[in-house]
Amino acid sequence: MRHRRILQDGACYHVTAQVNKKDMILDICSTKELFIEVLKRAKAKYKFRVENFTVMGNHYHLMIQPKNGISLSAIMRWIMSVFAMAYNRRTNSCGHVWNGRFFSRIVENLDQFLKIFGYIDENPVMAQLVENKTDWRFGGIWHHRRGLHSIVDESPEFILRFFPEHRCFCP
């Protein structure tokens, strides 16, 4: 039986979803880029902040905050279905891309926010995909450092005090 999703207006969420059968379809750079492009399109369609994100080989993590009155479920349904259709079209395949629904949890306080934000940064390092988290092209830290805010939103100063590696080093 499906559990009812807990939604709260103005809340920040840690969202993750895994690829069907844990297949490594996101391992290919162009597929990660496709997911990021879909995320960018979703930001043009819906009003929400992305605090941090990472796209891994068979899953992704987002820290997302829908604006008041905007449904997290609607945003994620759109992202996951549009990505699945684009992926299936690109690979000339059909069927499920995702292993069921996405997982979401409300980030309840600053301590949780900081732990999840840091966990997302460290995910590619823990998976031994890069030695330094700042080298992972498919995450918020890489985008922040380059001043790219079409996906990840600019972090407030108090967050940058905890995560100075997210500061923009743009000319």
N, C-alpha and C. Protein backbone atom coordinates (compact mmCIF):
# COMPACT_ATOMS: atom_id res chain seq x y z
N MET A 1 0.84 -1.18 0.00
CA MET A 1 0.00 0.00 0.00
C MET A 1 0.88 1.25 0.00
N ARG A 2 0.55 2.18 -0.86
CA ARG A 2 1.29 3.43 -0.94
C ARG A 2 1.01 4.29 0.27
N HIS A 3 2.08 4.86 0.82
CA HIS A 3 1.92 5.80 1.93
C HIS A 3 1.63 7.19 1.37
N ARG A 4 0.80 7.90 2.06
CA ARG A 4 0.46 9.26 1.66
C ARG A 4 1.70 10.15 1.82
N ARG A 5 2.00 10.93 0.81
CA ARG A 5 3.15 11.81 0.83
C ARG A 5 2.86 13.01 1.74
N ILE A 6 3.82 13.35 2.58
CA ILE A 6 3.66 14.50 3.47
C ILE A 6 4.14 15.75 2.73
N LEU A 7 3.21 16.69 2.54
CA LEU A 7 3.52 17.94 1.85
C LEU A 7 3.20 19.10 2.77
N GLN A 8 4.03 20.13 2.68
CA GLN A 8 3.84 21.29 3.53
C GLN A 8 4.21 22.53 2.72
N ASP A 9 3.30 23.49 2.66
CA ASP A 9 3.55 24.71 1.90
C ASP A 9 4.84 25.40 2.38
N GLY A 10 5.70 25.75 1.44
CA GLY A 10 6.93 26.48 1.75
C GLY A 10 8.07 25.62 2.27
N ALA A 11 7.87 24.31 2.38
CA ALA A 11 8.91 23.43 2.94
C ALA A 11 10.00 23.17 1.92
N CYS A 12 11.18 22.86 2.43
CA CYS A 12 12.30 22.39 1.63
C CYS A 12 12.30 20.87 1.76
N TYR A 13 12.55 20.17 0.65
CA TYR A 13 12.52 18.72 0.63
C TYR A 13 13.84 18.14 0.12
N HIS A 14 14.20 17.00 0.68
CA HIS A 14 15.24 16.16 0.08
C HIS A 14 14.49 15.14 -0.76
N VAL A 15 14.75 15.16 -2.06
CA VAL A 15 14.05 14.28 -3.00
C VAL A 15 15.09 13.41 -3.70
N THR A 16 14.75 12.15 -3.85
CA THR A 16 15.61 11.24 -4.59
C THR A 16 14.75 10.21 -5.31
N ALA A 17 15.27 9.71 -6.41
CA ALA A 17 14.61 8.62 -7.14
C ALA A 17 15.69 7.77 -7.78
N GLN A 18 15.38 6.50 -7.92
CA GLN A 18 16.33 5.55 -8.48
C GLN A 18 15.81 5.02 -9.81
N VAL A 19 16.75 4.74 -10.70
CA VAL A 19 16.43 4.17 -12.00
C VAL A 19 15.92 2.74 -11.81
N ASN A 20 14.99 2.34 -12.67
CA ASN A 20 14.42 0.99 -12.64
C ASN A 20 15.54 -0.06 -12.70
N LYS A 21 15.42 -1.09 -11.90
CA LYS A 21 16.37 -2.20 -11.81
C LYS A 21 17.78 -1.75 -11.44
N LYS A 22 17.92 -0.53 -10.94
CA LYS A 22 19.21 0.06 -10.57
C LYS A 22 20.17 0.12 -11.76
N ASP A 23 19.60 0.11 -12.98
CA ASP A 23 20.42 0.22 -14.18
C ASP A 23 21.21 1.53 -14.15
N MET A 24 22.39 1.52 -14.70
CA MET A 24 23.27 2.68 -14.67
C MET A 24 23.06 3.58 -15.90
N ILE A 25 21.82 3.84 -16.24
CA ILE A 25 21.54 4.63 -17.46
C ILE A 25 22.02 6.06 -17.34
N LEU A 26 22.12 6.57 -16.12
CA LEU A 26 22.59 7.94 -15.93
C LEU A 26 24.11 8.03 -15.89
N ASP A 27 24.78 6.90 -16.06
CA ASP A 27 26.23 6.88 -16.02
C ASP A 27 26.84 7.61 -17.21
N ILE A 28 26.11 7.69 -18.29
CA ILE A 28 26.59 8.35 -19.51
C ILE A 28 26.40 9.86 -19.33
N CYS A 29 27.46 10.62 -19.61
CA CYS A 29 27.41 12.08 -19.41
C CYS A 29 26.24 12.72 -20.13
N SER A 30 25.97 12.31 -21.36
CA SER A 30 24.88 12.94 -22.12
C SER A 30 23.52 12.66 -21.49
N THR A 31 23.38 11.54 -20.79
CA THR A 31 22.11 11.24 -20.11
C THR A 31 21.98 12.09 -18.85
N LYS A 32 23.08 12.29 -18.13
CA LYS A 32 23.05 13.21 -16.99
C LYS A 32 22.70 14.62 -17.47
N GLU A 33 23.30 15.03 -18.59
CA GLU A 33 23.01 16.35 -19.14
C GLU A 33 21.55 16.48 -19.56
N LEU A 34 20.97 15.40 -20.07
CA LEU A 34 19.55 15.39 -20.42
C LEU A 34 18.70 15.61 -19.17
N PHE A 35 19.04 14.92 -18.07
CA PHE A 35 18.29 15.10 -16.83
C PHE A 35 18.39 16.55 -16.35
N ILE A 36 19.58 17.11 -16.40
CA ILE A 36 19.79 18.50 -15.97
C ILE A 36 19.01 19.46 -16.86
N GLU A 37 18.95 19.19 -18.15
CA GLU A 37 18.17 20.03 -19.07
C GLU A 37 16.68 19.96 -18.74
N VAL A 38 16.18 18.78 -18.41
CA VAL A 38 14.78 18.62 -18.01
C VAL A 38 14.52 19.39 -16.72
N LEU A 39 15.45 19.32 -15.78
CA LEU A 39 15.33 20.07 -14.53
C LEU A 39 15.27 21.58 -14.81
N LYS A 40 16.09 22.03 -15.73
CA LYS A 40 16.09 23.45 -16.13
C LYS A 40 14.74 23.84 -16.74
N ARG A 41 14.19 22.99 -17.58
CA ARG A 41 12.88 23.25 -18.18
C ARG A 41 11.79 23.28 -17.12
N ALA A 42 11.90 22.41 -16.12
CA ALA A 42 10.92 22.39 -15.03
C ALA A 42 10.94 23.70 -14.26
N LYS A 43 12.13 24.27 -14.08
CA LYS A 43 12.23 25.55 -13.37
C LYS A 43 11.58 26.67 -14.16
N ALA A 44 11.55 26.55 -15.47
CA ALA A 44 10.87 27.55 -16.30
C ALA A 44 9.35 27.37 -16.23
N LYS A 45 8.92 26.15 -15.98
CA LYS A 45 7.48 25.83 -15.95
C LYS A 45 6.86 26.03 -14.56
N TYR A 46 7.58 25.67 -13.52
CA TYR A 46 7.08 25.73 -12.14
C TYR A 46 7.96 26.69 -11.33
N LYS A 47 7.40 27.18 -10.25
CA LYS A 47 8.16 28.06 -9.37
C LYS A 47 8.69 27.25 -8.18
N PHE A 48 10.01 27.05 -8.17
CA PHE A 48 10.67 26.36 -7.06
C PHE A 48 12.15 26.69 -7.04
N ARG A 49 12.73 26.54 -5.87
CA ARG A 49 14.18 26.73 -5.69
C ARG A 49 14.84 25.35 -5.68
N VAL A 50 16.03 25.30 -6.21
CA VAL A 50 16.89 24.13 -6.04
C VAL A 50 18.09 24.61 -5.23
N GLU A 51 18.18 24.12 -4.00
CA GLU A 51 19.28 24.51 -3.12
C GLU A 51 20.56 23.77 -3.50
N ASN A 52 20.42 22.48 -3.82
CA ASN A 52 21.56 21.66 -4.20
C ASN A 52 21.03 20.43 -4.93
N PHE A 53 21.89 19.80 -5.72
CA PHE A 53 21.50 18.59 -6.44
C PHE A 53 22.74 17.83 -6.85
N THR A 54 22.55 16.57 -7.18
CA THR A 54 23.57 15.78 -7.85
C THR A 54 22.88 14.69 -8.66
N VAL A 55 23.45 14.39 -9.81
CA VAL A 55 22.95 13.32 -10.67
C VAL A 55 24.03 12.25 -10.70
N MET A 56 23.68 11.06 -10.25
CA MET A 56 24.62 9.94 -10.16
C MET A 56 24.34 8.95 -11.29
N GLY A 57 24.93 7.78 -11.25
CA GLY A 57 24.78 6.80 -12.32
C GLY A 57 23.40 6.16 -12.41
N ASN A 58 22.76 5.98 -11.24
CA ASN A 58 21.43 5.33 -11.27
C ASN A 58 20.42 6.02 -10.35
N HIS A 59 20.73 7.22 -9.90
CA HIS A 59 19.79 7.97 -9.06
C HIS A 59 20.17 9.45 -9.04
N TYR A 60 19.32 10.24 -8.46
CA TYR A 60 19.63 11.66 -8.27
C TYR A 60 19.19 12.09 -6.87
N HIS A 61 19.72 13.21 -6.43
CA HIS A 61 19.31 13.86 -5.18
C HIS A 61 19.02 15.32 -5.50
N LEU A 62 17.93 15.83 -4.94
CA LEU A 62 17.59 17.24 -5.05
C LEU A 62 17.26 17.78 -3.67
N MET A 63 17.65 19.01 -3.42
CA MET A 63 17.09 19.79 -2.31
C MET A 63 16.25 20.85 -2.98
N ILE A 64 14.96 20.73 -2.84
CA ILE A 64 14.02 21.54 -3.62
C ILE A 64 13.00 22.20 -2.70
N GLN A 65 12.67 23.43 -3.02
CA GLN A 65 11.68 24.17 -2.22
C GLN A 65 10.65 24.78 -3.16
N PRO A 66 9.50 24.13 -3.31
CA PRO A 66 8.43 24.72 -4.13
C PRO A 66 7.92 26.01 -3.49
N LYS A 67 7.59 26.97 -4.32
CA LYS A 67 6.98 28.20 -3.80
C LYS A 67 5.60 27.86 -3.25
N ASN A 68 5.08 28.70 -2.37
CA ASN A 68 3.76 28.47 -1.77
C ASN A 68 2.71 28.21 -2.85
N GLY A 69 1.92 27.18 -2.64
CA GLY A 69 0.85 26.84 -3.56
C GLY A 69 1.27 25.95 -4.72
N ILE A 70 2.56 25.69 -4.86
CA ILE A 70 3.06 24.82 -5.94
C ILE A 70 3.27 23.42 -5.37
N SER A 71 2.79 22.43 -6.07
CA SER A 71 2.83 21.04 -5.60
C SER A 71 4.17 20.37 -5.93
N LEU A 72 4.84 19.87 -4.89
CA LEU A 72 6.05 19.08 -5.11
C LEU A 72 5.75 17.90 -6.02
N SER A 73 4.62 17.24 -5.79
CA SER A 73 4.26 16.07 -6.60
C SER A 73 4.11 16.43 -8.07
N ALA A 74 3.49 17.56 -8.35
CA ALA A 74 3.33 17.99 -9.76
C ALA A 74 4.68 18.26 -10.40
N ILE A 75 5.56 18.93 -9.68
CA ILE A 75 6.90 19.22 -10.21
C ILE A 75 7.64 17.93 -10.52
N MET A 76 7.67 17.01 -9.55
CA MET A 76 8.45 15.79 -9.72
C MET A 76 7.82 14.85 -10.75
N ARG A 77 6.50 14.81 -10.80
CA ARG A 77 5.84 13.99 -11.82
C ARG A 77 6.24 14.49 -13.21
N TRP A 78 6.27 15.82 -13.38
CA TRP A 78 6.64 16.40 -14.67
C TRP A 78 8.10 16.08 -15.01
N ILE A 79 9.00 16.31 -14.05
CA ILE A 79 10.43 16.04 -14.30
C ILE A 79 10.66 14.58 -14.67
N MET A 80 10.11 13.68 -13.87
CA MET A 80 10.37 12.26 -14.09
C MET A 80 9.72 11.74 -15.37
N SER A 81 8.53 12.21 -15.69
CA SER A 81 7.87 11.72 -16.91
C SER A 81 8.50 12.33 -18.16
N VAL A 82 8.82 13.61 -18.13
CA VAL A 82 9.45 14.24 -19.30
C VAL A 82 10.83 13.63 -19.55
N PHE A 83 11.60 13.40 -18.48
CA PHE A 83 12.89 12.75 -18.66
C PHE A 83 12.71 11.35 -19.24
N ALA A 84 11.77 10.57 -18.71
CA ALA A 84 11.56 9.20 -19.18
C ALA A 84 11.19 9.19 -20.67
N MET A 85 10.29 10.10 -21.07
CA MET A 85 9.91 10.15 -22.49
C MET A 85 11.11 10.52 -23.37
N ALA A 86 11.89 11.52 -22.93
CA ALA A 86 13.05 11.95 -23.71
C ALA A 86 14.12 10.85 -23.77
N TYR A 87 14.34 10.19 -22.65
CA TYR A 87 15.32 9.11 -22.61
C TYR A 87 14.88 7.96 -23.53
N ASN A 88 13.62 7.55 -23.43
CA ASN A 88 13.13 6.46 -24.28
C ASN A 88 13.19 6.82 -25.75
N ARG A 89 12.89 8.06 -26.07
CA ARG A 89 12.97 8.52 -27.46
C ARG A 89 14.42 8.49 -27.94
N ARG A 90 15.33 8.99 -27.11
CA ARG A 90 16.75 9.05 -27.46
C ARG A 90 17.35 7.66 -27.66
N THR A 91 16.92 6.69 -26.85
CA THR A 91 17.50 5.35 -26.89
C THR A 91 16.65 4.36 -27.68
N ASN A 92 15.57 4.87 -28.28
CA ASN A 92 14.66 4.02 -29.04
C ASN A 92 14.18 2.83 -28.21
N SER A 93 13.79 3.14 -26.97
CA SER A 93 13.28 2.09 -26.09
C SER A 93 11.93 2.52 -25.55
N CYS A 94 11.35 1.66 -24.73
CA CYS A 94 10.06 1.98 -24.12
C CYS A 94 10.02 1.36 -22.74
N GLY A 95 9.03 1.75 -21.99
CA GLY A 95 8.86 1.16 -20.66
C GLY A 95 9.32 2.08 -19.55
N HIS A 96 9.34 1.52 -18.35
CA HIS A 96 9.66 2.29 -17.15
C HIS A 96 11.12 2.69 -17.12
N VAL A 97 11.37 3.91 -16.73
CA VAL A 97 12.74 4.39 -16.50
C VAL A 97 13.02 4.41 -15.00
N TRP A 98 12.03 4.84 -14.23
CA TRP A 98 12.21 5.00 -12.79
C TRP A 98 11.65 3.82 -12.02
N ASN A 99 12.27 3.53 -10.90
CA ASN A 99 11.84 2.46 -10.02
C ASN A 99 10.77 2.99 -9.06
N GLY A 100 9.58 3.19 -9.57
CA GLY A 100 8.48 3.66 -8.74
C GLY A 100 8.50 5.16 -8.52
N ARG A 101 7.84 5.57 -7.45
CA ARG A 101 7.72 6.98 -7.12
C ARG A 101 9.02 7.52 -6.55
N PHE A 102 9.12 8.82 -6.53
CA PHE A 102 10.27 9.44 -5.90
C PHE A 102 10.10 9.42 -4.38
N PHE A 103 11.19 9.45 -3.68
CA PHE A 103 11.19 9.56 -2.22
C PHE A 103 11.36 11.03 -1.85
N SER A 104 10.62 11.49 -0.87
CA SER A 104 10.81 12.86 -0.40
C SER A 104 10.69 12.90 1.11
N ARG A 105 11.46 13.81 1.68
CA ARG A 105 11.41 14.03 3.13
C ARG A 105 11.55 15.52 3.37
N ILE A 106 10.72 16.05 4.24
CA ILE A 106 10.81 17.47 4.59
C ILE A 106 12.09 17.69 5.39
N VAL A 107 12.82 18.74 5.01
CA VAL A 107 14.00 19.17 5.76
C VAL A 107 13.46 20.05 6.88
N GLU A 108 13.54 19.55 8.10
CA GLU A 108 12.82 20.17 9.22
C GLU A 108 13.55 21.29 9.94
N ASN A 109 14.88 21.32 9.84
CA ASN A 109 15.61 22.35 10.57
C ASN A 109 16.97 22.60 9.92
N LEU A 110 17.70 23.57 10.45
CA LEU A 110 18.99 23.94 9.87
C LEU A 110 19.98 22.79 9.94
N ASP A 111 19.99 22.06 11.03
CA ASP A 111 20.91 20.93 11.17
C ASP A 111 20.68 19.90 10.06
N GLN A 112 19.43 19.54 9.82
CA GLN A 112 19.11 18.60 8.73
C GLN A 112 19.51 19.20 7.38
N PHE A 113 19.21 20.47 7.18
CA PHE A 113 19.55 21.14 5.93
C PHE A 113 21.04 21.00 5.65
N LEU A 114 21.86 21.32 6.64
CA LEU A 114 23.32 21.28 6.46
C LEU A 114 23.81 19.86 6.20
N LYS A 115 23.26 18.87 6.90
CA LYS A 115 23.67 17.47 6.70
C LYS A 115 23.32 16.99 5.29
N ILE A 116 22.11 17.29 4.85
CA ILE A 116 21.67 16.83 3.53
C ILE A 116 22.42 17.58 2.43
N PHE A 117 22.59 18.87 2.59
CA PHE A 117 23.33 19.69 1.61
C PHE A 117 24.73 19.11 1.43
N GLY A 118 25.41 18.83 2.54
CA GLY A 118 26.76 18.26 2.49
C GLY A 118 26.77 16.85 1.94
N TYR A 119 25.77 16.05 2.30
CA TYR A 119 25.68 14.68 1.79
C TYR A 119 25.56 14.67 0.26
N ILE A 120 24.76 15.58 -0.26
CA ILE A 120 24.59 15.68 -1.72
C ILE A 120 25.92 16.01 -2.38
N ASP A 121 26.67 16.94 -1.80
CA ASP A 121 28.00 17.28 -2.33
C ASP A 121 28.94 16.08 -2.32
N GLU A 122 28.89 15.31 -1.24
CA GLU A 122 29.85 14.20 -1.05
C GLU A 122 29.48 12.93 -1.81
N ASN A 123 28.26 12.84 -2.33
CA ASN A 123 27.79 11.61 -2.98
C ASN A 123 28.75 11.10 -4.06
N PRO A 124 29.20 11.94 -4.99
CA PRO A 124 30.12 11.44 -6.03
C PRO A 124 31.49 11.02 -5.47
N VAL A 125 31.92 11.65 -4.38
CA VAL A 125 33.19 11.29 -3.75
C VAL A 125 33.04 9.92 -3.07
N MET A 126 31.93 9.73 -2.34
CA MET A 126 31.69 8.44 -1.68
C MET A 126 31.58 7.30 -2.69
N ALA A 127 31.07 7.62 -3.89
CA ALA A 127 30.95 6.61 -4.95
C ALA A 127 32.25 6.46 -5.74
N GLN A 128 33.28 7.20 -5.33
CA GLN A 128 34.61 7.18 -5.97
C GLN A 128 34.57 7.57 -7.44
N LEU A 129 33.69 8.51 -7.76
CA LEU A 129 33.61 9.02 -9.13
C LEU A 129 34.54 10.20 -9.34
N VAL A 130 34.82 10.93 -8.27
CA VAL A 130 35.79 12.03 -8.27
C VAL A 130 36.51 12.01 -6.92
N GLU A 131 37.70 12.60 -6.89
CA GLU A 131 38.41 12.72 -5.62
C GLU A 131 37.97 13.96 -4.87
N ASN A 132 37.65 15.01 -5.63
CA ASN A 132 37.26 16.28 -5.01
C ASN A 132 35.84 16.62 -5.45
N LYS A 133 34.97 16.89 -4.50
CA LYS A 133 33.56 17.17 -4.80
C LYS A 133 33.36 18.35 -5.74
N THR A 134 34.32 19.26 -5.78
CA THR A 134 34.18 20.42 -6.68
C THR A 134 34.38 20.05 -8.14
N ASP A 135 34.87 18.84 -8.41
CA ASP A 135 35.11 18.40 -9.79
C ASP A 135 33.89 17.73 -10.43
N TRP A 136 32.84 17.46 -9.65
CA TRP A 136 31.67 16.75 -10.18
C TRP A 136 30.80 17.73 -10.97
N ARG A 137 30.78 17.57 -12.29
CA ARG A 137 30.07 18.48 -13.20
C ARG A 137 28.55 18.42 -13.07
N PHE A 138 28.04 17.37 -12.47
CA PHE A 138 26.60 17.12 -12.50
C PHE A 138 25.95 17.38 -11.14
N GLY A 139 26.38 18.47 -10.52
CA GLY A 139 25.84 18.81 -9.21
C GLY A 139 25.86 20.30 -8.94
N GLY A 140 25.22 20.65 -7.85
CA GLY A 140 25.06 22.05 -7.49
C GLY A 140 26.36 22.78 -7.23
N ILE A 141 27.32 22.11 -6.62
CA ILE A 141 28.57 22.77 -6.29
C ILE A 141 29.28 23.28 -7.56
N TRP A 142 29.29 22.47 -8.60
CA TRP A 142 29.93 22.84 -9.87
C TRP A 142 29.22 24.05 -10.47
N HIS A 143 27.90 24.03 -10.43
CA HIS A 143 27.10 25.13 -10.98
C HIS A 143 27.29 26.41 -10.16
N HIS A 144 27.26 26.28 -8.83
CA HIS A 144 27.47 27.46 -7.98
C HIS A 144 28.81 28.12 -8.25
N ARG A 145 29.87 27.33 -8.32
CA ARG A 145 31.23 27.86 -8.49
C ARG A 145 31.39 28.61 -9.81
N ARG A 146 30.56 28.29 -10.77
CA ARG A 146 30.64 28.94 -12.08
C ARG A 146 29.57 30.01 -12.28
N GLY A 147 28.78 30.26 -11.26
CA GLY A 147 27.74 31.29 -11.35
C GLY A 147 26.59 30.90 -12.25
N LEU A 148 26.38 29.59 -12.43
CA LEU A 148 25.30 29.10 -13.28
C LEU A 148 24.06 28.86 -12.42
N HIS A 149 23.07 29.72 -12.56
CA HIS A 149 21.91 29.65 -11.68
C HIS A 149 20.61 29.36 -12.43
N SER A 150 20.72 28.73 -13.60
CA SER A 150 19.50 28.34 -14.30
C SER A 150 18.87 27.11 -13.66
N ILE A 151 19.64 26.36 -12.89
CA ILE A 151 19.12 25.18 -12.20
C ILE A 151 19.20 25.38 -10.70
N VAL A 152 20.40 25.50 -10.19
CA VAL A 152 20.59 25.67 -8.75
C VAL A 152 20.52 27.17 -8.44
N ASP A 153 19.78 27.49 -7.39
CA ASP A 153 19.63 28.89 -7.02
C ASP A 153 20.83 29.37 -6.21
N GLU A 154 21.05 30.67 -6.26
CA GLU A 154 22.15 31.25 -5.51
C GLU A 154 21.93 31.01 -4.02
N SER A 155 22.98 30.58 -3.33
CA SER A 155 22.88 30.29 -1.90
C SER A 155 23.01 31.57 -1.09
N PRO A 156 22.22 31.69 -0.02
CA PRO A 156 22.37 32.84 0.86
C PRO A 156 23.73 32.81 1.56
N GLU A 157 24.17 33.96 2.02
CA GLU A 157 25.50 34.10 2.64
C GLU A 157 25.68 33.14 3.83
N PHE A 158 24.66 32.96 4.65
CA PHE A 158 24.84 32.10 5.82
C PHE A 158 25.11 30.65 5.42
N ILE A 159 24.59 30.20 4.28
CA ILE A 159 24.88 28.84 3.79
C ILE A 159 26.32 28.79 3.27
N LEU A 160 26.74 29.84 2.60
CA LEU A 160 28.11 29.88 2.06
C LEU A 160 29.15 29.89 3.18
N ARG A 161 28.79 30.33 4.37
CA ARG A 161 29.72 30.26 5.50
C ARG A 161 29.97 28.81 5.90
N PHE A 162 28.96 27.96 5.75
CA PHE A 162 29.12 26.54 6.04
C PHE A 162 29.75 25.79 4.87
N PHE A 163 29.48 26.26 3.66
CA PHE A 163 29.95 25.59 2.44
C PHE A 163 30.64 26.60 1.53
N PRO A 164 31.82 27.11 1.93
CA PRO A 164 32.49 28.14 1.14
C PRO A 164 32.88 27.66 -0.27
N GLU A 165 32.99 26.35 -0.45
CA GLU A 165 33.34 25.82 -1.78
C GLU A 165 32.22 26.06 -2.79
N HIS A 166 31.04 26.48 -2.33
CA HIS A 166 29.93 26.81 -3.23
C HIS A 166 29.98 28.25 -3.73
N ARG A 167 30.96 29.02 -3.24
CA ARG A 167 31.08 30.41 -3.70
C ARG A 167 31.45 30.45 -5.17
N CYS A 168 30.92 31.43 -5.84
CA CYS A 168 31.23 31.63 -7.26
C CYS A 168 32.64 32.18 -7.40
N PHE A 169 33.42 31.54 -8.25
CA PHE A 169 34.77 32.01 -8.55
C PHE A 169 34.83 32.54 -9.97
N CYS A 170 33.79 33.29 -10.32
CA CYS A 170 33.66 33.83 -11.67
C CYS A 170 34.42 35.16 -11.75
N PRO A 171 34.92 35.48 -12.95
CA PRO A 171 35.60 36.78 -13.12
C PRO A 171 34.62 37.92 -13.05
